[in-house]
C-alpha cells in the first residue's frame, strides 16, 4: 500500500518559528511583489486590505503607501516577523495586547499576531480587498477549504482578492504547495474569478532540492 504523504503542521507555531529562527524564509521577497505592482488597480477602491500570513512582507508598506492610503492589516503567527517588519521600515510600532491578542500598529499598518484560523471578524473586522501571495500555497490540501472559507468570512460583499499560486511537480510534502487553476476555481466557487496571467518562475533552491524542474505562477483576480 502506498504511503500517504506526511504534511507539515502548517499552522504549528514551532514549525514556523523554527523557519524564522534559522532564516529559512525563502518566501520573503526583497521588493514589493511584481504581480501586486502590476495589478494594484484592483485595490484602488479599497479602504481596508487584508494580507494573511504576511510575515514581514514589503507588500504591506507598499499597499499602505498607495495614494488613497488604505489601512492594511496582516495576520502573522510569528511575533518576531511582525516586529521585524516595522523595524526594517524604520517605523515606530505600538505593541498592544488585549484579551490575549497581540497587535503591532504603526501608521496605517497593523499586524495581528496569532493563529489565522482563530482570528475572526470580531478581532480583525471586515475587508474590501485581500492580497494572498504566500498563504494559500502554504496550506496542505486538507486545510485549503477551511482556509478559504475563513478568508471569505472576513471579506465584505464585492471584495476583491489578488491571489498568486504556484504550479509545480514537487512531492506534496512541504510548502510552497502546488495549487492549480482547477482547484482554485473549486475553492472559490460562487465568486467571480479571472486568471490574469501565467508566468514561468525561476525555480528556487528549496524547490530544486525537491526535484522540481519547472514552476509556474498563476495570478488570479477574485471578486466575492
C-alpha atoms as a PDB file:
ATOM      1  CA  UNK A   1       0.000   0.000   0.000  1.00  0.00           C
ATOM      2  CA  UNK A   2       1.351   3.413  -0.966  1.00  0.00           C
ATOM      3  CA  UNK A   3       2.221   5.654   1.952  1.00  0.00           C
ATOM      4  CA  UNK A   4       0.196   8.809   2.274  1.00  0.00           C
ATOM      5  CA  UNK A   5       2.308  11.977   2.162  1.00  0.00           C
ATOM      6  CA  UNK A   6       3.085  13.446   5.548  1.00  0.00           C
ATOM      7  CA  UNK A   7       2.272  17.125   5.575  1.00  0.00           C
ATOM      8  CA  UNK A   8       3.914  19.541   7.986  1.00  0.00           C
ATOM      9  CA  UNK A   9       1.724  21.010  10.704  1.00  0.00           C
ATOM     10  CA  UNK A  10       1.486  24.196   8.693  1.00  0.00           C
ATOM     11  CA  UNK A  11      -0.054  26.268  11.441  1.00  0.00           C
ATOM     12  CA  UNK A  12       2.118  24.722  14.184  1.00  0.00           C
ATOM     13  CA  UNK A  13       3.908  27.667  15.833  1.00  0.00           C
ATOM     14  CA  UNK A  14       7.089  25.629  16.369  1.00  0.00           C
ATOM     15  CA  UNK A  15       7.315  24.747  12.664  1.00  0.00           C
ATOM     16  CA  UNK A  16       7.218  28.372  11.564  1.00  0.00           C
ATOM     17  CA  UNK A  17       9.208  29.827  14.466  1.00  0.00           C
ATOM     18  CA  UNK A  18      11.986  27.393  13.626  1.00  0.00           C
ATOM     19  CA  UNK A  19      11.931  28.510   9.980  1.00  0.00           C
ATOM     20  CA  UNK A  20      12.235  32.159  11.064  1.00  0.00           C
ATOM     21  CA  UNK A  21      14.905  31.451  13.672  1.00  0.00           C
ATOM     22  CA  UNK A  22      17.001  29.572  11.109  1.00  0.00           C
ATOM     23  CA  UNK A  23      16.466  32.195   8.412  1.00  0.00           C
ATOM     24  CA  UNK A  24      14.743  29.692   6.127  1.00  0.00           C
ATOM     25  CA  UNK A  25      12.220  32.202   4.805  1.00  0.00           C
ATOM     26  CA  UNK A  26      12.533  31.668   1.077  1.00  0.00           C
ATOM     27  CA  UNK A  27       9.070  33.126   0.535  1.00  0.00           C
ATOM     28  CA  UNK A  28      10.260  36.581   1.667  1.00  0.00           C
ATOM     29  CA  UNK A  29      10.963  38.968  -1.208  1.00  0.00           C
ATOM     30  CA  UNK A  30      13.311  41.959  -1.126  1.00  0.00           C
ATOM     31  CA  UNK A  31      10.968  44.124  -3.192  1.00  0.00           C
ATOM     32  CA  UNK A  32       7.201  44.572  -3.495  1.00  0.00           C
ATOM     33  CA  UNK A  33       5.704  41.647  -5.367  1.00  0.00           C
ATOM     34  CA  UNK A  34       5.711  42.242  -9.121  1.00  0.00           C
ATOM     35  CA  UNK A  35       2.156  40.947  -9.550  1.00  0.00           C
ATOM     36  CA  UNK A  36       0.896  43.263  -6.819  1.00  0.00           C
ATOM     37  CA  UNK A  37       2.529  46.232  -8.540  1.00  0.00           C
ATOM     38  CA  UNK A  38       1.152  45.207 -11.949  1.00  0.00           C
ATOM     39  CA  UNK A  39      -2.417  44.734 -10.716  1.00  0.00           C
ATOM     40  CA  UNK A  40      -2.617  47.325  -7.946  1.00  0.00           C
ATOM     41  CA  UNK A  41      -5.635  48.918  -9.639  1.00  0.00           C
ATOM     42  CA  UNK A  42      -7.684  46.076  -8.136  1.00  0.00           C
ATOM     43  CA  UNK A  43      -7.243  47.811  -4.797  1.00  0.00           C
ATOM     44  CA  UNK A  44      -7.984  51.367  -5.922  1.00  0.00           C
ATOM     45  CA  UNK A  45     -11.316  51.499  -4.071  1.00  0.00           C
ATOM     46  CA  UNK A  46     -10.170  49.556  -1.037  1.00  0.00           C
ATOM     47  CA  UNK A  47     -10.244  51.179   2.374  1.00  0.00           C
ATOM     48  CA  UNK A  48      -9.069  48.089   4.307  1.00  0.00           C
ATOM     49  CA  UNK A  49      -6.751  45.488   2.776  1.00  0.00           C
ATOM     50  CA  UNK A  50      -6.131  42.089   4.356  1.00  0.00           C
ATOM     51  CA  UNK A  51      -2.802  40.245   3.990  1.00  0.00           C
ATOM     52  CA  UNK A  52      -2.964  36.733   5.509  1.00  0.00           C
ATOM     53  CA  UNK A  53       0.202  35.008   6.787  1.00  0.00           C
ATOM     54  CA  UNK A  54       2.046  38.211   5.986  1.00  0.00           C
ATOM     55  CA  UNK A  55       5.478  37.621   7.537  1.00  0.00           C
ATOM     56  CA  UNK A  56       7.486  40.831   7.219  1.00  0.00           C
ATOM     57  CA  UNK A  57       6.463  41.376   3.622  1.00  0.00           C
ATOM     58  CA  UNK A  58       7.331  44.677   1.960  1.00  0.00           C
ATOM     59  CA  UNK A  59       3.963  44.394   0.252  1.00  0.00           C
ATOM     60  CA  UNK A  60       2.169  45.777   3.316  1.00  0.00           C
ATOM     61  CA  UNK A  61       4.120  49.042   3.282  1.00  0.00           C
ATOM     62  CA  UNK A  62       3.745  49.319  -0.490  1.00  0.00           C
ATOM     63  CA  UNK A  63      -0.040  48.960  -0.282  1.00  0.00           C
ATOM     64  CA  UNK A  64      -0.246  51.401   2.624  1.00  0.00           C
ATOM     65  CA  UNK A  65       1.654  53.990   0.563  1.00  0.00           C
ATOM     66  CA  UNK A  66      -0.964  53.966  -2.210  1.00  0.00           C
ATOM     67  CA  UNK A  67      -2.401  57.447  -2.995  1.00  0.00           C
ATOM     68  CA  UNK A  68      -5.703  56.741  -1.217  1.00  0.00           C
ATOM     69  CA  UNK A  69      -3.798  55.439   1.862  1.00  0.00           C
ATOM     70  CA  UNK A  70      -5.760  52.298   2.708  1.00  0.00           C
ATOM     71  CA  UNK A  71      -5.447  50.651   6.094  1.00  0.00           C
ATOM     72  CA  UNK A  72      -3.511  47.387   5.782  1.00  0.00           C
ATOM     73  CA  UNK A  73      -3.982  44.546   8.250  1.00  0.00           C
ATOM     74  CA  UNK A  74      -1.811  41.449   8.258  1.00  0.00           C
ATOM     75  CA  UNK A  75      -2.080  38.253  10.267  1.00  0.00           C
ATOM     76  CA  UNK A  76       1.152  36.549  11.234  1.00  0.00           C
ATOM     77  CA  UNK A  77       1.798  33.581  13.509  1.00  0.00           C
ATOM     78  CA  UNK A  78       5.407  34.512  14.425  1.00  0.00           C
ATOM     79  CA  UNK A  79       5.762  37.645  16.530  1.00  0.00           C
ATOM     80  CA  UNK A  80       9.407  38.168  15.530  1.00  0.00           C
ATOM     81  CA  UNK A  81       8.295  38.594  11.906  1.00  0.00           C
ATOM     82  CA  UNK A  82       5.746  41.260  12.855  1.00  0.00           C
ATOM     83  CA  UNK A  83       8.294  43.197  14.882  1.00  0.00           C
ATOM     84  CA  UNK A  84      10.927  42.975  12.133  1.00  0.00           C
ATOM     85  CA  UNK A  85       8.560  44.418   9.546  1.00  0.00           C
ATOM     86  CA  UNK A  86       8.297  47.693  11.423  1.00  0.00           C
ATOM     87  CA  UNK A  87      11.966  47.763  12.421  1.00  0.00           C
ATOM     88  CA  UNK A  88      13.184  47.220   8.857  1.00  0.00           C
ATOM     89  CA  UNK A  89      10.963  50.028   7.561  1.00  0.00           C
ATOM     90  CA  UNK A  90      12.086  52.415  10.297  1.00  0.00           C
ATOM     91  CA  UNK A  91       8.530  52.643  11.583  1.00  0.00           C
ATOM     92  CA  UNK A  92       7.633  53.113  15.205  1.00  0.00           C
ATOM     93  CA  UNK A  93       5.178  50.430  16.212  1.00  0.00           C
ATOM     94  CA  UNK A  94       2.954  50.236  19.247  1.00  0.00           C
ATOM     95  CA  UNK A  95       2.610  46.742  20.714  1.00  0.00           C
ATOM     96  CA  UNK A  96      -0.802  46.229  22.273  1.00  0.00           C
ATOM     97  CA  UNK A  97      -2.078  43.089  23.945  1.00  0.00           C
ATOM     98  CA  UNK A  98      -5.808  42.895  24.628  1.00  0.00           C
ATOM     99  CA  UNK A  99      -7.814  39.797  25.540  1.00  0.00           C
ATOM    100  CA  UNK A 100      -4.877  37.602  24.586  1.00  0.00           C
ATOM    101  CA  UNK A 101      -4.498  39.178  21.126  1.00  0.00           C
ATOM    102  CA  UNK A 102      -1.202  40.889  20.253  1.00  0.00           C
ATOM    103  CA  UNK A 103      -1.286  43.763  17.770  1.00  0.00           C
ATOM    104  CA  UNK A 104       1.541  45.800  16.282  1.00  0.00           C
ATOM    105  CA  UNK A 105       0.396  49.170  14.966  1.00  0.00           C
ATOM    106  CA  UNK A 106       2.375  51.770  13.094  1.00  0.00           C
ATOM    107  CA  UNK A 107       0.987  54.334  10.669  1.00  0.00           C
ATOM    108  CA  UNK A 108      -1.742  52.707   8.602  1.00  0.00           C
ATOM    109  CA  UNK A 109      -0.261  49.202   9.043  1.00  0.00           C
ATOM    110  CA  UNK A 110      -1.407  46.742  11.673  1.00  0.00           C
ATOM    111  CA  UNK A 111      -0.246  43.166  12.207  1.00  0.00           C
ATOM    112  CA  UNK A 112      -2.268  40.865  14.412  1.00  0.00           C
ATOM    113  CA  UNK A 113      -0.151  38.056  15.843  1.00  0.00           C
ATOM    114  CA  UNK A 114      -1.838  34.697  16.196  1.00  0.00           C
ATOM    115  CA  UNK A 115      -3.386  31.641  14.604  1.00  0.00           C
ATOM    116  CA  UNK A 116      -5.106  32.681  11.373  1.00  0.00           C
ATOM    117  CA  UNK A 117      -7.981  30.276  11.983  1.00  0.00           C
ATOM    118  CA  UNK A 118      -8.615  31.645  15.481  1.00  0.00           C
ATOM    119  CA  UNK A 119      -8.877  35.292  14.400  1.00  0.00           C
ATOM    120  CA  UNK A 120     -12.342  36.127  13.148  1.00  0.00           C
ATOM    121  CA  UNK A 121     -14.157  39.285  12.139  1.00  0.00           C
ATOM    122  CA  UNK A 122     -14.743  40.112  15.810  1.00  0.00           C
ATOM    123  CA  UNK A 123     -10.981  40.685  16.098  1.00  0.00           C
ATOM    124  CA  UNK A 124      -9.995  41.710  12.575  1.00  0.00           C
ATOM    125  CA  UNK A 125     -13.128  43.376  11.225  1.00  0.00           C
ATOM    126  CA  UNK A 126     -14.136  43.089   7.573  1.00  0.00           C
ATOM    127  CA  UNK A 127     -12.146  43.958   4.460  1.00  0.00           C
ATOM    128  CA  UNK A 128     -12.876  45.119   0.943  1.00  0.00           C
ATOM    129  CA  UNK A 129      -9.645  43.708  -0.521  1.00  0.00           C
ATOM    130  CA  UNK A 130      -7.164  40.902   0.102  1.00  0.00           C
ATOM    131  CA  UNK A 131      -3.684  40.127  -1.205  1.00  0.00           C
ATOM    132  CA  UNK A 132      -2.616  36.479  -0.920  1.00  0.00           C
ATOM    133  CA  UNK A 133       0.854  35.710  -2.261  1.00  0.00           C
ATOM    134  CA  UNK A 134       2.151  33.077   0.149  1.00  0.00           C
ATOM    135  CA  UNK A 135      -0.769  31.926   2.294  1.00  0.00           C
ATOM    136  CA  UNK A 136      -2.905  29.538   0.239  1.00  0.00           C
ATOM    137  CA  UNK A 137       0.231  27.829  -1.099  1.00  0.00           C
ATOM    138  CA  UNK A 138       1.355  27.238   2.495  1.00  0.00           C
ATOM    139  CA  UNK A 139      -1.747  25.140   3.160  1.00  0.00           C
ATOM    140  CA  UNK A 140      -1.758  21.353   2.674  1.00  0.00           C
ATOM    141  CA  UNK A 141      -4.732  20.172   0.592  1.00  0.00           C
ATOM    142  CA  UNK A 142      -6.882  19.185   3.558  1.00  0.00           C
ATOM    143  CA  UNK A 143      -6.598  22.673   5.082  1.00  0.00           C
ATOM    144  CA  UNK A 144      -7.345  24.697   1.946  1.00  0.00           C
ATOM    145  CA  UNK A 145     -11.173  24.617   2.044  1.00  0.00           C
ATOM    146  CA  UNK A 146     -11.114  25.750   5.675  1.00  0.00           C
ATOM    147  CA  UNK A 147      -8.552  28.439   4.867  1.00  0.00           C
ATOM    148  CA  UNK A 148     -10.627  29.873   2.015  1.00  0.00           C
ATOM    149  CA  UNK A 149     -13.901  29.663   3.964  1.00  0.00           C
ATOM    150  CA  UNK A 150     -12.317  31.604   6.818  1.00  0.00           C
ATOM    151  CA  UNK A 151     -10.905  34.207   4.440  1.00  0.00           C
ATOM    152  CA  UNK A 152     -14.244  34.671   2.707  1.00  0.00           C
ATOM    153  CA  UNK A 153     -15.877  35.228   6.099  1.00  0.00           C
ATOM    154  CA  UNK A 154     -13.622  38.260   6.585  1.00  0.00           C
ATOM    155  CA  UNK A 155     -14.422  39.870   3.236  1.00  0.00           C
ATOM    156  CA  UNK A 156     -17.258  42.301   2.594  1.00  0.00           C
ATOM    157  CA  UNK A 157     -19.617  41.739  -0.360  1.00  0.00           C
ATOM    158  CA  UNK A 158     -17.869  42.733  -3.578  1.00  0.00           C
ATOM    159  CA  UNK A 159     -14.394  42.500  -2.009  1.00  0.00           C
ATOM    160  CA  UNK A 160     -11.532  41.834  -4.398  1.00  0.00           C
ATOM    161  CA  UNK A 161      -8.693  39.379  -3.845  1.00  0.00           C
ATOM    162  CA  UNK A 162      -5.421  39.227  -5.758  1.00  0.00           C
ATOM    163  CA  UNK A 163      -4.180  35.651  -5.424  1.00  0.00           C
ATOM    164  CA  UNK A 164      -0.842  34.192  -6.519  1.00  0.00           C
ATOM    165  CA  UNK A 165      -0.340  30.409  -6.587  1.00  0.00           C
ATOM    166  CA  UNK A 166       2.298  28.003  -7.846  1.00  0.00           C
ATOM    167  CA  UNK A 167       2.026  25.012 -10.160  1.00  0.00           C
ATOM    168  CA  UNK A 168       4.964  22.599  -9.909  1.00  0.00           C
ATOM    169  CA  UNK A 169       5.698  18.887  -9.768  1.00  0.00           C
ATOM    170  CA  UNK A 170       7.351  18.591  -6.346  1.00  0.00           C
ATOM    171  CA  UNK A 171       6.056  15.944  -3.940  1.00  0.00           C
ATOM    172  CA  UNK A 172       3.258  17.405  -1.785  1.00  0.00           C
ATOM    173  CA  UNK A 173       5.210  17.134   1.440  1.00  0.00           C
ATOM    174  CA  UNK A 174       6.308  20.693   2.123  1.00  0.00           C
ATOM    175  CA  UNK A 175       5.266  24.266   1.287  1.00  0.00           C
ATOM    176  CA  UNK A 176       5.005  26.010  -1.044  1.00  0.00           C
ATOM    177  CA  UNK A 177       2.460  23.548  -2.368  1.00  0.00           C
ATOM    178  CA  UNK A 178       1.231  23.348  -5.942  1.00  0.00           C
ATOM    179  CA  UNK A 179      -2.291  24.766  -6.262  1.00  0.00           C
ATOM    180  CA  UNK A 180      -3.524  24.554  -9.881  1.00  0.00           C
ATOM    181  CA  UNK A 181      -6.229  26.624 -11.525  1.00  0.00           C
ATOM    182  CA  UNK A 182      -8.951  23.951 -11.286  1.00  0.00           C
ATOM    183  CA  UNK A 183      -8.507  23.723  -7.540  1.00  0.00           C
ATOM    184  CA  UNK A 184      -8.581  27.495  -7.128  1.00  0.00           C
ATOM    185  CA  UNK A 185     -11.848  27.655  -9.063  1.00  0.00           C
ATOM    186  CA  UNK A 186     -13.347  24.919  -6.895  1.00  0.00           C
ATOM    187  CA  UNK A 187     -12.233  26.584  -3.668  1.00  0.00           C
ATOM    188  CA  UNK A 188     -13.706  29.937  -4.696  1.00  0.00           C
ATOM    189  CA  UNK A 189     -16.893  28.556  -6.197  1.00  0.00           C
ATOM    190  CA  UNK A 190     -19.554  31.254  -6.358  1.00  0.00           C
ATOM    191  CA  UNK A 191     -17.019  34.069  -6.779  1.00  0.00           C
ATOM    192  CA  UNK A 192     -16.147  35.843  -9.996  1.00  0.00           C
ATOM    193  CA  UNK A 193     -12.673  34.562 -10.843  1.00  0.00           C
ATOM    194  CA  UNK A 194     -10.345  35.783 -13.609  1.00  0.00           C
ATOM    195  CA  UNK A 195      -6.985  34.275 -14.469  1.00  0.00           C
ATOM    196  CA  UNK A 196      -4.829  37.359 -15.017  1.00  0.00           C
ATOM    197  CA  UNK A 197      -1.703  35.541 -16.140  1.00  0.00           C
ATOM    198  CA  UNK A 198       0.617  32.541 -16.036  1.00  0.00           C
ATOM    199  CA  UNK A 199       4.307  33.140 -15.604  1.00  0.00           C
ATOM    200  CA  UNK A 200       7.252  30.778 -15.778  1.00  0.00           C
ATOM    201  CA  UNK A 201       9.012  31.033 -12.443  1.00  0.00           C
ATOM    202  CA  UNK A 202      12.709  30.730 -11.711  1.00  0.00           C
ATOM    203  CA  UNK A 203      12.986  27.597  -9.615  1.00  0.00           C
ATOM    204  CA  UNK A 204      14.162  28.426  -6.110  1.00  0.00           C
ATOM    205  CA  UNK A 205      16.854  26.465  -4.314  1.00  0.00           C
ATOM    206  CA  UNK A 206      14.255  24.973  -1.985  1.00  0.00           C
ATOM    207  CA  UNK A 207      12.197  23.687  -4.912  1.00  0.00           C
ATOM    208  CA  UNK A 208      15.277  22.427  -6.747  1.00  0.00           C
ATOM    209  CA  UNK A 209      16.120  20.353  -3.690  1.00  0.00           C
ATOM    210  CA  UNK A 210      12.694  18.746  -4.003  1.00  0.00           C
ATOM    211  CA  UNK A 211      13.311  17.725  -7.617  1.00  0.00           C
ATOM    212  CA  UNK A 212      11.335  20.480  -9.367  1.00  0.00           C
ATOM    213  CA  UNK A 213      12.336  21.061 -12.997  1.00  0.00           C
ATOM    214  CA  UNK A 214       9.984  23.966 -13.704  1.00  0.00           C
ATOM    215  CA  UNK A 215       7.366  26.016 -11.950  1.00  0.00           C
ATOM    216  CA  UNK A 216       4.695  28.490 -12.937  1.00  0.00           C
ATOM    217  CA  UNK A 217       2.982  31.247 -11.032  1.00  0.00           C
ATOM    218  CA  UNK A 218      -0.732  31.763 -11.609  1.00  0.00           C
ATOM    219  CA  UNK A 219      -2.271  35.153 -10.831  1.00  0.00           C
ATOM    220  CA  UNK A 220      -6.000  35.488 -10.175  1.00  0.00           C
ATOM    221  CA  UNK A 221      -8.445  38.318  -9.533  1.00  0.00           C
ATOM    222  CA  UNK A 222     -11.328  37.110  -7.377  1.00  0.00           C
ATOM    223  CA  UNK A 223     -14.437  39.097  -6.532  1.00  0.00           C
ATOM    224  CA  UNK A 224     -16.619  37.934  -3.670  1.00  0.00           C
END
